[in-house]
Protein backbone atom coordinates (compact mmCIF):
# COMPACT_ATOMS: atom_id res chain seq x y z
CA LEU A 1 120.24 -4.20 75.80
CA LEU A 2 117.31 -2.90 77.75
CA ASP A 3 114.87 -0.22 76.87
CA THR A 4 114.98 1.24 80.36
CA ASP A 5 117.27 3.87 82.01
CA VAL A 6 117.55 2.72 85.55
CA ARG A 7 118.44 -0.46 87.23
CA TRP A 8 116.01 -0.32 90.20
CA ASP A 9 113.50 -2.78 88.83
CA ILE A 10 116.11 -5.34 87.89
CA ILE A 11 117.48 -5.32 91.47
CA ALA A 12 113.85 -5.46 92.76
CA GLN A 13 113.29 -8.58 90.79
CA SER A 14 116.65 -10.25 91.76
CA VAL A 15 115.66 -10.24 95.43
CA ASP A 16 111.96 -10.63 95.12
CA ASP A 17 111.33 -13.65 97.46
CA ARG A 18 107.57 -13.47 97.60
CA THR A 19 105.60 -16.63 97.19
CA PRO A 20 103.11 -16.89 94.32
CA ALA A 21 100.29 -16.26 96.82
CA GLU A 22 102.03 -13.21 98.14
CA ARG A 23 102.46 -11.86 94.57
CA GLY A 24 98.80 -12.51 93.93
CA VAL A 25 99.37 -15.10 91.03
CA ALA A 26 98.04 -18.02 93.10
CA ALA A 27 95.37 -18.44 95.79
CA GLY A 28 96.09 -19.60 99.33
CA GLY A 29 98.94 -21.70 100.72
CA GLY A 30 100.17 -25.05 100.03
CA GLU A 31 102.11 -26.17 96.93
CA GLY A 32 100.50 -23.87 94.46
CA GLY A 33 100.55 -20.73 96.65
CA GLY A 34 104.02 -21.40 98.20
CA GLY A 35 102.92 -20.76 101.72
CA HIS A 36 104.24 -22.27 104.88
CA ALA A 37 103.09 -21.95 108.47
CA ALA A 38 106.59 -20.88 109.67
CA MET A 39 106.66 -17.85 107.27
CA ALA A 40 105.56 -14.37 108.02
CA GLY A 41 101.92 -14.16 107.22
CA HIS A 42 102.01 -17.89 106.53
CA GLY A 43 103.41 -16.94 103.16
CA THR A 44 99.91 -16.14 101.93
CA LYS A 45 99.39 -12.48 102.87
CA ARG A 46 99.09 -10.32 99.71
CA LEU A 47 102.31 -8.24 99.28
CA HIS A 48 102.07 -5.77 96.49
CA LYS A 49 105.85 -4.97 96.32
CA SER A 50 109.22 -6.73 96.38
CA ARG A 51 111.29 -6.23 99.48
CA TYR A 52 113.40 -3.90 97.27
CA GLU A 53 110.91 -1.15 96.28
CA THR A 54 109.48 2.30 96.84
CA ILE A 55 108.26 3.31 100.31
CA SER A 56 104.58 2.74 100.98
CA THR A 57 103.85 5.13 103.81
CA TYR A 58 104.83 8.53 105.10
CA ILE A 59 105.70 8.89 108.81
CA CYS A 60 105.42 12.69 108.86
CA ASN A 61 103.86 14.53 111.73
CA THR A 62 101.74 16.88 109.65
CA VAL A 63 98.62 16.35 107.60
CA ILE A 64 98.66 19.00 104.75
CA GLY A 65 101.84 20.79 105.51
CA GLN A 66 100.14 23.01 108.13
CA ASP A 67 101.99 22.50 111.50
CA GLY A 68 100.15 22.09 114.75
CA GLN A 69 97.88 19.41 113.15
CA ASP A 70 98.41 15.90 114.67
CA SER A 71 98.51 13.19 112.09
CA SER A 72 99.77 10.41 114.44
CA THR A 73 96.72 8.30 113.41
CA ARG A 74 96.70 6.30 110.31
CA ALA A 75 93.24 7.51 109.37
CA ALA A 76 94.36 11.15 109.37
CA LEU A 77 96.91 10.69 106.65
CA LYS A 78 94.71 8.19 104.60
CA ASP A 79 91.57 10.31 104.72
CA LEU A 80 93.52 13.34 103.36
CA GLY A 81 94.98 11.43 100.44
CA ARG A 82 98.57 11.12 101.74
CA ASN A 83 99.00 7.38 102.50
CA ASP A 84 96.73 6.38 99.73
CA LEU A 85 98.29 2.88 99.12
CA GLU A 86 97.24 -0.42 100.69
CA VAL A 87 99.96 -1.14 103.26
CA PRO A 88 100.11 -4.88 104.49
CA MET A 89 101.50 -5.16 107.98
CA ASP A 90 102.03 -7.66 110.78
CA GLU A 91 99.08 -7.26 112.98
CA GLU A 92 100.86 -8.70 116.01
CA ALA A 93 103.83 -6.36 115.70
CA TYR A 94 101.38 -3.41 115.18
CA ARG A 95 99.50 -4.21 118.47
CA THR A 96 102.77 -4.62 120.34
CA LEU A 97 103.96 -1.19 119.17
CA THR A 98 100.78 0.75 119.77
CA GLN A 99 100.28 -0.81 123.18
CA ALA A 100 103.75 0.33 124.08
CA GLY A 101 102.86 3.88 123.09
CA VAL A 102 104.13 4.12 119.63
CA ASP A 103 101.88 6.35 117.45
CA GLU A 104 99.85 4.69 114.75
CA VAL A 105 101.71 6.00 111.71
CA LEU A 106 105.11 4.90 112.99
CA ALA A 107 103.72 1.63 114.31
CA GLN A 108 102.29 0.93 110.87
CA HIS A 109 105.61 1.59 109.14
CA ILE A 110 107.50 -0.76 111.47
CA ALA A 111 104.81 -3.46 111.25
CA HIS A 112 104.93 -3.20 107.49
CA LEU A 113 108.62 -4.15 107.52
CA PHE A 114 107.81 -7.22 109.58
CA VAL A 115 105.59 -8.80 106.87
CA ARG A 116 108.89 -10.16 105.45
CA ASP A 117 111.00 -13.10 106.70
CA PRO A 118 114.66 -12.66 107.59
CA LEU A 119 117.08 -13.53 105.08
CA VAL A 120 120.21 -14.00 106.99
CA ILE A 121 120.64 -15.40 110.48
CA TYR A 122 124.02 -15.80 112.19
CA ARG A 123 124.11 -18.77 114.64
CA GLU A 124 125.93 -16.80 117.31
CA ARG A 125 123.43 -13.87 117.04
CA VAL A 126 120.12 -15.76 117.59
CA GLU A 127 119.88 -15.63 121.42
CA LEU A 128 120.26 -11.80 122.36
CA ASP A 129 119.15 -9.47 124.96
CA ASP A 130 116.72 -7.30 123.02
CA GLU A 131 116.97 -4.57 125.75
CA ARG A 132 120.60 -4.07 124.83
CA GLU A 133 120.90 -5.34 121.29
CA THR A 134 118.92 -4.32 118.09
CA ASP A 135 120.16 -7.07 115.77
CA HIS A 136 116.84 -8.70 115.58
CA PHE A 137 115.21 -5.50 114.39
CA GLU A 138 118.10 -4.58 112.05
CA ASN A 139 117.91 -7.98 110.49
CA ILE A 140 114.43 -7.11 109.16
CA GLN A 141 115.08 -3.36 108.76
CA SER A 142 118.26 -3.84 106.72
CA THR A 143 116.75 -6.32 104.26
CA ASN A 144 113.77 -4.13 103.44
CA TRP A 145 115.59 -2.08 100.61
CA GLN A 146 113.16 0.83 100.10
CA THR A 147 113.74 4.19 98.42
CA VAL A 148 114.02 5.96 101.76
CA ARG A 149 114.95 4.31 105.01
CA TRP A 150 114.29 5.62 108.53
CA LYS A 151 117.08 4.55 110.90
CA PRO A 152 117.04 4.86 114.70
CA PRO A 153 120.38 5.32 116.55
CA PRO A 154 122.33 2.24 117.65
CA ALA A 155 121.47 0.71 121.00
CA LYS A 156 124.81 1.64 122.56
CA SER A 157 124.28 4.81 124.60
CA ASP A 158 127.84 6.08 123.92
CA SER A 159 127.30 6.16 120.19
CA HIS A 160 127.68 9.48 118.40
CA ILE A 161 125.16 8.37 115.76
CA GLY A 162 121.72 9.89 115.93
CA TRP A 163 118.48 9.50 114.06
CA ARG A 164 119.04 9.23 110.28
CA THR A 165 117.10 9.18 106.98
CA GLU A 166 118.76 7.34 104.08
CA PHE A 167 117.94 8.42 100.53
CA ARG A 168 118.54 5.25 98.64
CA SER A 169 117.11 5.61 95.09
CA MET A 170 119.96 7.22 93.12
CA GLU A 171 122.03 5.30 90.53
CA VAL A 172 125.78 5.19 90.96
CA GLN A 173 127.71 7.33 88.41
CA LEU A 174 130.84 6.65 86.50
CA THR A 175 133.08 9.21 88.31
CA ASP A 176 133.60 10.62 91.78
CA PHE A 177 132.77 14.10 90.37
CA GLU A 178 129.29 12.89 89.33
CA ASN A 179 128.68 11.08 92.56
CA ALA A 180 129.67 14.03 94.56
CA ALA A 181 127.54 16.45 92.50
CA PHE A 182 124.35 14.31 93.12
CA THR A 183 125.18 13.61 96.80
CA VAL A 184 125.78 17.26 97.51
CA PHE A 185 122.55 18.11 95.79
CA VAL A 186 120.47 15.69 97.77
CA VAL A 187 122.04 16.82 101.04
CA LEU A 188 121.43 20.49 100.13
CA VAL A 189 117.74 19.82 99.14
CA SER A 190 117.21 18.28 102.63
CA ARG A 191 118.79 21.39 104.25
CA VAL A 192 116.61 23.73 102.16
CA ILE A 193 113.47 21.85 103.14
CA LEU A 194 114.33 22.22 106.80
CA TYR A 195 115.61 25.84 106.58
CA PHE A 196 112.60 27.21 104.71
CA ASN A 197 110.16 24.75 106.34
CA LEU A 198 109.02 23.56 102.80
CA ASN A 199 106.08 21.20 102.13
CA PHE A 200 106.70 18.86 99.21
CA TYR A 201 104.19 16.22 100.33
CA MET A 202 101.97 14.67 97.68
CA PRO A 203 99.90 11.39 97.69
CA ILE A 204 102.42 8.58 98.00
CA SER A 205 100.94 6.83 94.89
CA CYS A 206 102.53 9.77 92.96
CA VAL A 207 105.89 8.58 94.28
CA ASP A 208 105.23 5.10 92.83
CA CYS A 209 104.22 6.78 89.56
CA ASN A 210 107.40 8.81 89.44
CA MET A 211 109.55 5.66 89.89
CA ARG A 212 107.75 3.97 87.05
CA ARG A 213 108.24 7.01 84.85
CA ALA A 214 111.88 7.44 85.77
CA ALA A 215 112.66 3.89 84.42
CA GLU A 216 111.54 4.76 80.81
CA ARG A 217 114.03 5.47 78.14
CA ASP A 218 115.21 9.06 78.11
CA ALA A 219 112.89 9.97 81.02
CA VAL A 220 115.37 12.67 82.06
CA THR A 221 114.64 14.76 79.09
CA GLN A 222 111.35 13.43 77.69
CA GLY A 223 109.45 12.40 80.88
CA LYS A 224 107.11 14.34 83.15
CA PHE A 225 107.10 13.81 86.94
CA CYS A 226 104.52 14.45 89.58
CA PHE A 227 105.63 17.43 91.70
CA ARG A 228 104.11 19.87 94.15
CA GLN A 229 104.52 23.35 92.80
CA SER A 230 103.67 25.39 95.96
CA PRO A 231 105.97 24.16 98.59
CA ILE A 232 106.32 27.50 100.42
CA SER A 233 102.68 28.65 100.67
CA GLY A 234 101.63 25.39 102.40
CA ALA A 235 104.33 25.63 105.11
CA SER A 236 104.24 27.62 108.36
CA SER A 237 106.39 28.17 111.38
CA GLY A 238 106.39 26.12 114.58
CA SER A 239 106.88 22.69 113.13
CA HIS A 240 107.19 21.00 116.53
CA ALA A 241 103.96 22.33 117.92
CA ARG A 242 101.34 19.67 118.28
CA ARG A 243 97.73 19.67 119.29
CA PRO A 244 95.39 16.79 120.25
CA PRO A 245 93.67 15.09 117.37
CA SER A 246 90.33 16.62 116.28
CA SER A 247 87.75 16.23 113.63
CA PRO A 248 88.89 17.55 110.17
CA THR A 249 88.18 21.05 109.42
CA LYS A 250 86.02 22.04 106.42
CA ARG A 251 89.24 22.88 104.45
CA GLU A 252 90.73 19.45 105.33
CA ALA A 253 87.55 17.63 104.27
CA ASP A 254 87.40 19.60 101.02
CA LEU A 255 91.03 18.67 100.25
CA ALA A 256 90.37 15.09 101.03
CA GLU A 257 87.34 15.09 98.66
CA ALA A 258 89.55 16.77 95.92
CA VAL A 259 92.31 14.15 96.44
CA ARG A 260 89.79 11.34 96.08
CA ALA A 261 88.33 13.00 92.95
CA ALA A 262 91.78 13.13 91.36
CA ALA A 263 92.49 9.47 92.30
CA SER A 264 91.83 8.19 88.74
CA SER A 265 94.93 10.04 87.37
CA CYS A 266 98.48 9.72 88.55
CA CYS A 267 98.98 13.40 89.32
CA GLY A 268 95.83 15.42 89.79
CA SER A 269 96.25 19.23 89.71
CA THR A 270 93.42 19.39 92.24
CA ALA A 271 95.76 17.75 94.75
CA GLY A 272 98.25 20.58 94.24
CA VAL A 273 100.47 18.18 92.20
CA GLU A 274 101.38 18.82 88.50
CA ASP A 275 103.41 17.00 85.87
CA LEU A 276 106.73 18.81 85.42
CA SER A 277 109.82 17.95 83.36
CA LEU A 278 113.02 17.45 85.46
CA PHE A 279 114.46 20.56 84.09
CA GLU A 280 111.39 22.51 85.33
CA ILE A 281 111.80 20.82 88.72
CA MET A 282 115.40 21.89 88.89
CA ALA A 283 115.11 25.43 87.31
CA GLY A 284 111.60 26.42 88.07
CA LYS A 285 108.28 27.00 86.31
CA GLY A 286 105.81 29.68 86.89
CA SER A 287 105.64 30.72 90.64
CA PHE A 288 107.76 27.75 91.63
CA LYS A 289 111.37 28.94 91.62
CA GLY A 290 113.07 25.49 91.22
CA LEU A 291 115.20 23.44 93.54
CA VAL A 292 118.51 24.83 92.40
CA PRO A 293 117.56 28.51 92.89
CA LEU A 294 116.23 27.50 96.39
CA ILE A 295 119.62 26.00 97.17
CA LEU A 296 121.51 28.84 95.88
CA THR A 297 119.43 31.31 98.06
CA TYR A 298 119.95 29.15 101.09
CA LEU A 299 123.79 29.21 100.43
CA ASP A 300 123.64 32.91 100.19
CA LEU A 301 121.70 33.34 103.38
CA ILE A 302 124.07 31.22 105.47
CA LYS A 303 127.00 33.11 103.91
CA THR A 304 128.80 30.23 102.36
CA ASP A 305 132.50 30.96 101.75
CA THR A 306 133.61 31.80 98.28
CA THR A 307 135.74 28.60 97.68
CA THR A 308 132.96 26.26 98.80
CA LEU A 309 130.38 28.17 96.78
CA ALA A 310 132.39 27.97 93.57
CA THR A 311 132.62 24.09 94.09
CA ILE A 312 128.92 23.78 94.75
CA ASN A 313 127.96 25.97 91.82
CA LYS A 314 129.92 23.68 89.55
CA TYR A 315 128.10 20.69 90.88
CA LEU A 316 124.66 22.43 90.55
CA ASP A 317 125.40 23.54 86.99
CA PHE A 318 126.39 20.03 86.19
CA VAL A 319 123.10 18.64 87.51
CA VAL A 320 121.08 21.23 85.61
CA ALA A 321 123.00 20.40 82.42
CA ARG A 322 122.01 16.67 82.84
CA ALA A 323 118.43 17.66 83.47
CA SER A 324 118.28 19.88 80.47
CA GLY A 325 119.72 17.29 78.12
CA GLU A 326 122.89 19.13 77.34
CA LEU A 327 124.77 16.17 78.76
CA LEU A 328 124.02 12.54 78.23
CA THR A 329 123.07 10.35 81.32
CA PRO A 330 125.17 7.22 81.87
CA ALA A 331 122.33 5.14 80.54
CA GLN A 332 122.08 7.09 77.28
CA TRP A 333 125.82 7.10 76.83
CA MET A 334 126.00 3.26 77.47
CA ARG A 335 123.16 2.69 75.00
CA ARG A 336 124.91 4.72 72.33
CA PHE A 337 128.24 2.96 72.88
CA VAL A 338 126.54 -0.44 72.39
CA LEU A 339 124.59 0.72 69.32
CA SER A 340 127.69 1.98 67.66
CA HIS A 341 129.96 -0.95 68.47
CA PRO A 342 131.05 -2.75 65.34
CA ASP A 343 130.09 -6.12 66.99
CA TYR A 344 126.48 -5.06 67.71
CA ARG A 345 123.91 -6.80 65.45
CA HIS A 346 120.94 -4.74 66.53
CA ASP A 347 119.40 -7.75 68.07
CA SER A 348 119.58 -6.62 71.82
CA LEU A 349 122.28 -9.16 72.52
CA VAL A 350 125.39 -7.69 74.20
CA SER A 351 128.30 -9.97 73.39
CA GLU A 352 131.27 -10.56 75.70
CA ARG A 353 133.40 -8.36 73.44
CA ILE A 354 130.98 -5.51 73.67
CA ALA A 355 130.59 -5.88 77.39
CA ALA A 356 134.43 -6.03 77.85
CA ASP A 357 134.98 -2.92 75.73
CA LEU A 358 132.27 -1.03 77.50
CA LEU A 359 133.66 -1.92 80.98
CA ALA A 360 137.20 -0.89 79.92
CA LYS A 361 135.90 2.38 78.62
CA CYS A 362 133.97 2.99 81.93
CA HIS A 363 137.08 2.20 83.93
CA ARG A 364 139.20 4.67 82.00
CA ILE A 365 136.57 7.39 82.38
CA GLY A 366 136.00 6.68 86.16
CA ALA A 367 139.80 6.68 86.80
CA GLY A 368 140.25 10.06 85.06
CA LEU A 369 142.36 8.49 82.31
CA GLU A 370 140.01 9.54 79.59
CA ARG A 371 137.69 12.54 79.08
CA CYS A 372 134.06 12.00 77.92
CA PRO A 373 132.57 15.29 76.72
CA ASP A 374 129.21 13.59 76.03
CA LEU A 375 128.84 12.81 79.71
CA HIS A 376 130.68 15.76 81.27
CA GLY A 377 130.92 18.55 78.70
CA ASP A 378 133.52 21.07 79.77
CA PHE A 379 133.25 20.17 83.36
CA VAL A 380 136.64 19.09 84.76
CA VAL A 381 136.44 15.75 86.61
CA PRO A 382 139.00 16.12 89.49
CA PRO A 383 139.34 13.66 92.42
CA VAL A 384 137.16 14.18 95.39
CA LEU A 385 139.52 14.91 98.37
CA ALA A 386 138.64 14.89 102.10
CA LYS A 387 140.37 18.27 102.51
CA ASP A 388 137.73 19.92 100.33
CA ALA A 389 135.02 19.35 102.98
CA TYR A 390 132.48 22.15 103.57
CA ALA A 391 133.86 25.07 105.42
CA VAL A 392 130.42 26.23 106.54
CA ASN A 393 128.08 24.09 108.61
CA MET A 394 124.72 23.35 106.82
CA THR A 395 122.33 25.10 109.07
CA SER A 396 118.80 23.81 109.61
CA GLY A 397 117.53 24.08 113.22
CA GLU A 398 114.16 25.59 113.97
CA ALA A 399 112.96 27.19 110.83
CA PRO A 400 111.15 30.49 111.50
CA GLY A 401 108.53 31.55 109.12
CA ALA A 402 110.31 34.85 108.69
CA ARG A 403 112.94 33.16 106.47
CA ILE A 404 110.57 33.39 103.48
CA SER A 405 110.30 37.09 102.94
CA SER A 406 110.14 39.42 99.99
CA SER A 407 113.87 39.96 99.84
CA THR A 408 114.37 36.22 100.03
CA ASP A 409 111.88 35.70 97.27
CA GLY A 410 113.78 38.31 95.13
CA LEU A 411 117.01 36.36 95.83
CA MET A 412 115.39 33.16 94.63
CA ALA A 413 114.18 34.96 91.44
CA MET A 414 117.72 36.24 90.83
CA HIS A 415 119.22 32.76 91.06
CA GLN A 416 116.40 31.34 88.78
CA ILE A 417 117.28 33.99 86.10
CA ARG A 418 120.97 33.17 86.54
CA LEU A 419 120.31 29.43 86.07
CA GLN A 420 118.34 30.06 82.86
CA LEU A 421 121.11 32.29 81.47
CA GLN A 422 123.71 29.82 82.41
CA THR A 423 121.79 27.09 80.53
CA ARG A 424 121.26 29.26 77.54
CA ARG A 425 124.91 30.36 77.56
CA ARG A 426 126.08 26.66 77.44
CA ARG A 427 123.68 25.95 74.60
CA LEU A 428 124.84 28.98 72.61
CA LEU A 429 128.50 28.05 73.09
CA ALA A 430 127.71 24.58 71.88
CA ASP A 431 125.83 25.99 68.80
CA ALA A 432 128.72 28.43 68.14
CA THR A 433 131.29 25.68 68.24
CA GLU A 434 129.25 23.55 65.86
CA HIS A 435 128.64 26.50 63.57
CA ARG A 436 132.37 27.28 63.56
CA ALA A 437 133.10 23.62 62.64
CA ARG A 438 130.67 23.82 59.81
CA LEU A 439 132.08 27.12 58.61
CA GLU A 440 135.62 25.79 58.66
CA ALA A 441 134.47 22.67 56.69
CA ALA A 442 132.66 24.87 54.20
CA GLN A 443 135.67 27.15 53.71
CA GLU A 444 137.90 24.13 53.11
CA GLU A 445 135.49 22.70 50.58
CA LEU A 446 135.27 26.16 49.00
CA ARG A 447 139.12 26.31 48.76
CA ASN A 448 139.19 22.87 47.09
CA VAL A 449 136.47 23.88 44.61
CA GLU A 450 138.41 27.06 43.73
CA THR A 451 141.57 25.10 43.34
CA GLN A 452 139.85 22.71 40.91
CA LEU A 453 138.33 25.64 39.03
CA ALA A 454 141.70 27.25 38.69
CA VAL A 455 143.24 24.09 37.31
CA LEU A 456 140.42 23.76 34.76
CA ALA A 457 140.83 27.44 33.77
CA ALA A 458 144.54 26.88 33.12
CA ARG A 459 143.77 24.13 30.62
């Protein structure tokens, strides 16, 4: 029984094929360091992360969220505190890419993938025409399991698949309802970012910090996470306008110095990043309205139909209830199940009987055969059907600056208040239910006492 709430680090360790020299626990190659001339980097290049880990670089085309500022050079993002981690890369791959016209930031990202060796090679797919096939690239790309994956379209020109970004860090849930709720939430956050042209960038070391914090027990309710509180003020219109690189402005230089000054802490407020609880990130704090009110405002502005809006509202209320601690996370629920099992000896050992009972319980809940109020509260967990797809297209397109206006801000404030009231309502209903149960128990005990007194009086 682990004292962590996510499985990410366990998976990262299970596929960590770095040599001792690459992990930094042995110097050089040879028998002690595990290096070999045929390996990428000879097996001796220092690699700070497993191939299943958080991303190490941004590939954005902005410096500080202000559009029209070219950041296609590695130095631009590094000097301003964005890509503030050391990024090992294959130098030959980097030279090939930059000489072919790929910008430095994207070339660094791809060359960073190629510090790993391939894991699987099919005999019939070794000799290929790289002008027509992308298998050799995908072999490396698909075995770098990072929190976010940038995916080019397939080589076939007739494919309908375009450029994609995979969000890969979430834990699978027990039911389709939960998985649908979190999937819809992530998609809507991406749409909101595009629609309102928001800027949530922060030093990428803060992303690593958040992943470490997320693994801690009860991080959902007890943890604090680095988060940028002013995503709107830093954004502007014309996100595709570019200008040639130039020397940093005084403002940029001042920001860079502020970022460096805050480097000793995980989240320095001088970098525009603060520590927020997950509930504050969802529901808002201070001038930041919260992700959920931003989503609800977006859905209002694109005139989402009533049926779809009702479904999404249910999903969002569920996500907020998890963030506020009203509902248990699967990790919390599983830990309680093990701790309360009659076979558990409080020695961290999960016996076969406990594991079998836990999996049987998970199956019944996942199949909808058994309700679990601790996980789902009063939310009904129906099957997710294809016919319930969105009736309104999720608009993004070119985001004009006018979309953030005083009326829009008022709409966000209304949704923020609604969210807070809904959360308070659920808590009050839970308190009322508990008080009623206590009152009924007290009344029953009172009746028993009066009955006993009456018997004694009759004697």
